Amino acid sequence: MTDVTIFHNPACGTSRNTLALIRHAGIEPTVVEYLKSPPAQERLRALIDAMGAPVRSVLREKGTPYAELELDDPAWSDDALIDFMLQYPILINRPIVETLLGTRLCRPSEEVLAILPVAQLTPFTKEDGEVVIDSGARGA
């Protein structure tokens, strides 16, 4: 078992860049294509809890049924929002990365650097040509 798991959407540039950064660090993570294999309710709840983030912060609006479902309505409970994410996995914002150092929603992709269990990395170039310089700082 690897110490790094990424909940990945290969159609998303941020997700692809995050996966490439992890591999740039010499790590071959467990890749979960969550649109094909959504996490179980308990697993999704555990990921959100590990991030220390409100459930709403993990909801993706763009390119999803968020507006149609009126998920901006504060009446929806966290449990109901998680149920919607499981019913419509595209609502789960990505990529979520889990390591021994923490769990994060890696938007932008360089957010993953803070939780990678490796020393400072050499510069990395994203798909769009932006160069990412790793400060070497680690810890959730």
C-alpha atoms as a PDB file:
ATOM      1  CA  MET A   1       0.000   0.000   0.000  1.00  0.00           C
ATOM      2  CA  THR A   2       1.237   3.473  -0.849  1.00  0.00           C
ATOM      3  CA  ASP A   3       1.289   6.312   1.645  1.00  0.00           C
ATOM      4  CA  VAL A   4      -0.327   8.701  -0.836  1.00  0.00           C
ATOM      5  CA  THR A   5      -3.825   8.546  -2.308  1.00  0.00           C
ATOM      6  CA  ILE A   6      -5.255  10.987  -4.840  1.00  0.00           C
ATOM      7  CA  PHE A   7      -8.940  11.265  -5.673  1.00  0.00           C
ATOM      8  CA  HIS A   8      -8.424  12.123  -9.303  1.00  0.00           C
ATOM      9  CA  ASN A   9     -10.332  13.251 -12.374  1.00  0.00           C
ATOM     10  CA  PRO A  10      -8.124  12.793 -15.464  1.00  0.00           C
ATOM     11  CA  ALA A  11     -10.197  15.399 -17.352  1.00  0.00           C
ATOM     12  CA  CYS A  12      -9.180  18.110 -14.850  1.00  0.00           C
ATOM     13  CA  GLY A  13      -5.948  20.027 -15.426  1.00  0.00           C
ATOM     14  CA  THR A  14      -5.483  20.774 -11.721  1.00  0.00           C
ATOM     15  CA  SER A  15      -5.898  17.094 -10.924  1.00  0.00           C
ATOM     16  CA  ARG A  16      -3.437  16.080 -13.666  1.00  0.00           C
ATOM     17  CA  ASN A  17      -0.880  18.628 -12.424  1.00  0.00           C
ATOM     18  CA  THR A  18      -1.273  17.406  -8.833  1.00  0.00           C
ATOM     19  CA  LEU A  19      -0.758  13.791  -9.891  1.00  0.00           C
ATOM     20  CA  ALA A  20       2.289  14.827 -11.921  1.00  0.00           C
ATOM     21  CA  LEU A  21       3.721  16.703  -8.905  1.00  0.00           C
ATOM     22  CA  ILE A  22       3.298  13.620  -6.731  1.00  0.00           C
ATOM     23  CA  ARG A  23       5.084  11.517  -9.352  1.00  0.00           C
ATOM     24  CA  HIS A  24       7.752  14.235  -9.700  1.00  0.00           C
ATOM     25  CA  ALA A  25       8.407  13.572  -6.005  1.00  0.00           C
ATOM     26  CA  GLY A  26       9.154   9.934  -6.863  1.00  0.00           C
ATOM     27  CA  ILE A  27       5.894   8.654  -5.399  1.00  0.00           C
ATOM     28  CA  GLU A  28       3.491   6.382  -7.240  1.00  0.00           C
ATOM     29  CA  PRO A  29       0.208   7.085  -5.442  1.00  0.00           C
ATOM     30  CA  THR A  30      -2.966   5.093  -5.232  1.00  0.00           C
ATOM     31  CA  VAL A  31      -5.122   6.797  -7.866  1.00  0.00           C
ATOM     32  CA  VAL A  32      -8.857   6.734  -7.267  1.00  0.00           C
ATOM     33  CA  GLU A  33     -10.853   7.915 -10.272  1.00  0.00           C
ATOM     34  CA  TYR A  34     -13.717   9.005  -8.065  1.00  0.00           C
ATOM     35  CA  LEU A  35     -16.134   9.600 -10.971  1.00  0.00           C
ATOM     36  CA  LYS A  36     -15.904   5.880 -11.770  1.00  0.00           C
ATOM     37  CA  SER A  37     -15.503   4.682  -8.169  1.00  0.00           C
ATOM     38  CA  PRO A  38     -16.913   7.205  -5.698  1.00  0.00           C
ATOM     39  CA  PRO A  39     -15.829   6.778  -2.094  1.00  0.00           C
ATOM     40  CA  ALA A  40     -18.303   5.312   0.376  1.00  0.00           C
ATOM     41  CA  GLN A  41     -20.175   7.777   2.557  1.00  0.00           C
ATOM     42  CA  GLU A  42     -17.985   7.024   5.588  1.00  0.00           C
ATOM     43  CA  ARG A  43     -14.809   7.451   3.518  1.00  0.00           C
ATOM     44  CA  LEU A  44     -15.909  10.777   2.063  1.00  0.00           C
ATOM     45  CA  ARG A  45     -16.890  12.006   5.531  1.00  0.00           C
ATOM     46  CA  ALA A  46     -13.498  10.899   6.896  1.00  0.00           C
ATOM     47  CA  LEU A  47     -11.647  12.756   4.117  1.00  0.00           C
ATOM     48  CA  ILE A  48     -13.611  15.951   4.770  1.00  0.00           C
ATOM     49  CA  ASP A  49     -13.050  15.636   8.519  1.00  0.00           C
ATOM     50  CA  ALA A  50      -9.318  15.025   7.968  1.00  0.00           C
ATOM     51  CA  MET A  51      -9.147  18.241   5.919  1.00  0.00           C
ATOM     52  CA  GLY A  52     -10.806  20.113   8.767  1.00  0.00           C
ATOM     53  CA  ALA A  53     -12.984  21.724   6.130  1.00  0.00           C
ATOM     54  CA  PRO A  54     -16.692  22.453   6.020  1.00  0.00           C
ATOM     55  CA  VAL A  55     -18.586  20.044   3.775  1.00  0.00           C
ATOM     56  CA  ARG A  56     -19.673  22.951   1.574  1.00  0.00           C
ATOM     57  CA  SER A  57     -16.040  23.789   0.781  1.00  0.00           C
ATOM     58  CA  VAL A  58     -15.674  20.414  -0.942  1.00  0.00           C
ATOM     59  CA  LEU A  59     -18.643  20.978  -3.248  1.00  0.00           C
ATOM     60  CA  ARG A  60     -17.790  21.800  -6.842  1.00  0.00           C
ATOM     61  CA  GLU A  61     -20.111  24.256  -8.576  1.00  0.00           C
ATOM     62  CA  LYS A  62     -18.672  24.657 -12.074  1.00  0.00           C
ATOM     63  CA  GLY A  63     -19.810  22.044 -14.578  1.00  0.00           C
ATOM     64  CA  THR A  64     -22.053  20.261 -12.070  1.00  0.00           C
ATOM     65  CA  PRO A  65     -25.749  20.099 -11.137  1.00  0.00           C
ATOM     66  CA  TYR A  66     -25.022  22.349  -8.117  1.00  0.00           C
ATOM     67  CA  ALA A  67     -27.316  25.187  -9.259  1.00  0.00           C
ATOM     68  CA  GLU A  68     -30.093  22.883 -10.493  1.00  0.00           C
ATOM     69  CA  LEU A  69     -30.143  21.108  -7.136  1.00  0.00           C
ATOM     70  CA  GLU A  70     -30.100  24.475  -5.311  1.00  0.00           C
ATOM     71  CA  LEU A  71     -27.223  23.317  -3.146  1.00  0.00           C
ATOM     72  CA  ASP A  72     -26.498  26.905  -2.148  1.00  0.00           C
ATOM     73  CA  ASP A  73     -29.601  26.685   0.075  1.00  0.00           C
ATOM     74  CA  PRO A  74     -28.330  26.740   3.694  1.00  0.00           C
ATOM     75  CA  ALA A  75     -31.171  24.383   4.671  1.00  0.00           C
ATOM     76  CA  TRP A  76     -29.211  21.407   3.284  1.00  0.00           C
ATOM     77  CA  SER A  77     -27.481  19.506   6.101  1.00  0.00           C
ATOM     78  CA  ASP A  78     -23.921  18.241   5.791  1.00  0.00           C
ATOM     79  CA  ASP A  79     -25.247  14.678   5.556  1.00  0.00           C
ATOM     80  CA  ALA A  80     -27.599  15.665   2.732  1.00  0.00           C
ATOM     81  CA  LEU A  81     -24.759  17.419   0.873  1.00  0.00           C
ATOM     82  CA  ILE A  82     -22.576  14.326   1.207  1.00  0.00           C
ATOM     83  CA  ASP A  83     -25.458  12.206  -0.121  1.00  0.00           C
ATOM     84  CA  PHE A  84     -25.668  14.522  -3.152  1.00  0.00           C
ATOM     85  CA  MET A  85     -21.892  14.169  -3.706  1.00  0.00           C
ATOM     86  CA  LEU A  86     -22.240  10.404  -3.687  1.00  0.00           C
ATOM     87  CA  GLN A  87     -25.217  10.487  -6.038  1.00  0.00           C
ATOM     88  CA  TYR A  88     -23.451  12.973  -8.355  1.00  0.00           C
ATOM     89  CA  PRO A  89     -19.677  12.423  -7.843  1.00  0.00           C
ATOM     90  CA  ILE A  90     -18.926  15.370 -10.165  1.00  0.00           C
ATOM     91  CA  LEU A  91     -19.969  17.520  -7.182  1.00  0.00           C
ATOM     92  CA  ILE A  92     -16.853  16.400  -5.279  1.00  0.00           C
ATOM     93  CA  ASN A  93     -14.191  19.042  -5.763  1.00  0.00           C
ATOM     94  CA  ARG A  94     -10.815  17.697  -6.788  1.00  0.00           C
ATOM     95  CA  PRO A  95      -8.186  16.627  -6.383  1.00  0.00           C
ATOM     96  CA  ILE A  96      -8.215  15.481  -2.785  1.00  0.00           C
ATOM     97  CA  VAL A  97      -4.874  14.060  -1.673  1.00  0.00           C
ATOM     98  CA  GLU A  98      -4.256  12.036   1.461  1.00  0.00           C
ATOM     99  CA  THR A  99      -0.768  11.376   2.883  1.00  0.00           C
ATOM    100  CA  LEU A 100       0.729  10.613   6.276  1.00  0.00           C
ATOM    101  CA  LEU A 101       1.250  14.376   6.682  1.00  0.00           C
ATOM    102  CA  GLY A 102      -2.379  15.333   6.084  1.00  0.00           C
ATOM    103  CA  THR A 103      -5.309  15.520   3.712  1.00  0.00           C
ATOM    104  CA  ARG A 104      -5.971  18.462   1.403  1.00  0.00           C
ATOM    105  CA  LEU A 105      -8.085  19.689  -1.444  1.00  0.00           C
ATOM    106  CA  CYS A 106      -5.203  20.570  -3.766  1.00  0.00           C
ATOM    107  CA  ARG A 107      -6.466  23.667  -5.549  1.00  0.00           C
ATOM    108  CA  PRO A 108      -4.100  24.982  -6.768  1.00  0.00           C
ATOM    109  CA  SER A 109      -2.090  21.847  -7.446  1.00  0.00           C
ATOM    110  CA  GLU A 110       0.983  23.066  -5.534  1.00  0.00           C
ATOM    111  CA  GLU A 111      -1.048  22.722  -2.296  1.00  0.00           C
ATOM    112  CA  VAL A 112       0.043  19.072  -2.423  1.00  0.00           C
ATOM    113  CA  LEU A 113       3.642  20.079  -1.642  1.00  0.00           C
ATOM    114  CA  ALA A 114       2.781  20.783   2.008  1.00  0.00           C
ATOM    115  CA  ILE A 115       1.719  17.175   2.588  1.00  0.00           C
ATOM    116  CA  LEU A 116       4.231  15.218   0.503  1.00  0.00           C
ATOM    117  CA  PRO A 117       6.471  13.022   2.677  1.00  0.00           C
ATOM    118  CA  VAL A 118       9.658  13.937   0.809  1.00  0.00           C
ATOM    119  CA  ALA A 119      12.449  16.496   0.906  1.00  0.00           C
ATOM    120  CA  GLN A 120      12.389  19.681  -1.161  1.00  0.00           C
ATOM    121  CA  LEU A 121      11.721  19.010  -4.830  1.00  0.00           C
ATOM    122  CA  THR A 122      13.410  20.422  -7.880  1.00  0.00           C
ATOM    123  CA  PRO A 123      11.296  22.923  -9.869  1.00  0.00           C
ATOM    124  CA  PHE A 124       8.266  21.465 -11.642  1.00  0.00           C
ATOM    125  CA  THR A 125       6.546  22.837 -14.749  1.00  0.00           C
ATOM    126  CA  LYS A 126       2.758  22.583 -14.949  1.00  0.00           C
ATOM    127  CA  GLU A 127       0.887  21.815 -18.173  1.00  0.00           C
ATOM    128  CA  ASP A 128       0.337  25.536 -18.783  1.00  0.00           C
ATOM    129  CA  GLY A 129       4.061  26.326 -18.446  1.00  0.00           C
ATOM    130  CA  GLU A 130       3.881  27.772 -14.924  1.00  0.00           C
ATOM    131  CA  VAL A 131       6.929  26.761 -12.878  1.00  0.00           C
ATOM    132  CA  VAL A 132       6.333  25.588  -9.317  1.00  0.00           C
ATOM    133  CA  ILE A 133       9.163  26.162  -6.847  1.00  0.00           C
ATOM    134  CA  ASP A 134       8.999  23.981  -3.742  1.00  0.00           C
ATOM    135  CA  SER A 135       9.910  25.828  -0.534  1.00  0.00           C
ATOM    136  CA  GLY A 136      10.495  22.518   1.221  1.00  0.00           C
ATOM    137  CA  ALA A 137       8.016  23.381   3.978  1.00  0.00           C
ATOM    138  CA  ARG A 138       5.948  20.366   5.017  1.00  0.00           C
ATOM    139  CA  GLY A 139       3.076  19.742   7.406  1.00  0.00           C
ATOM    140  CA  ALA A 140      -0.677  20.003   7.134  1.00  0.00           C
END
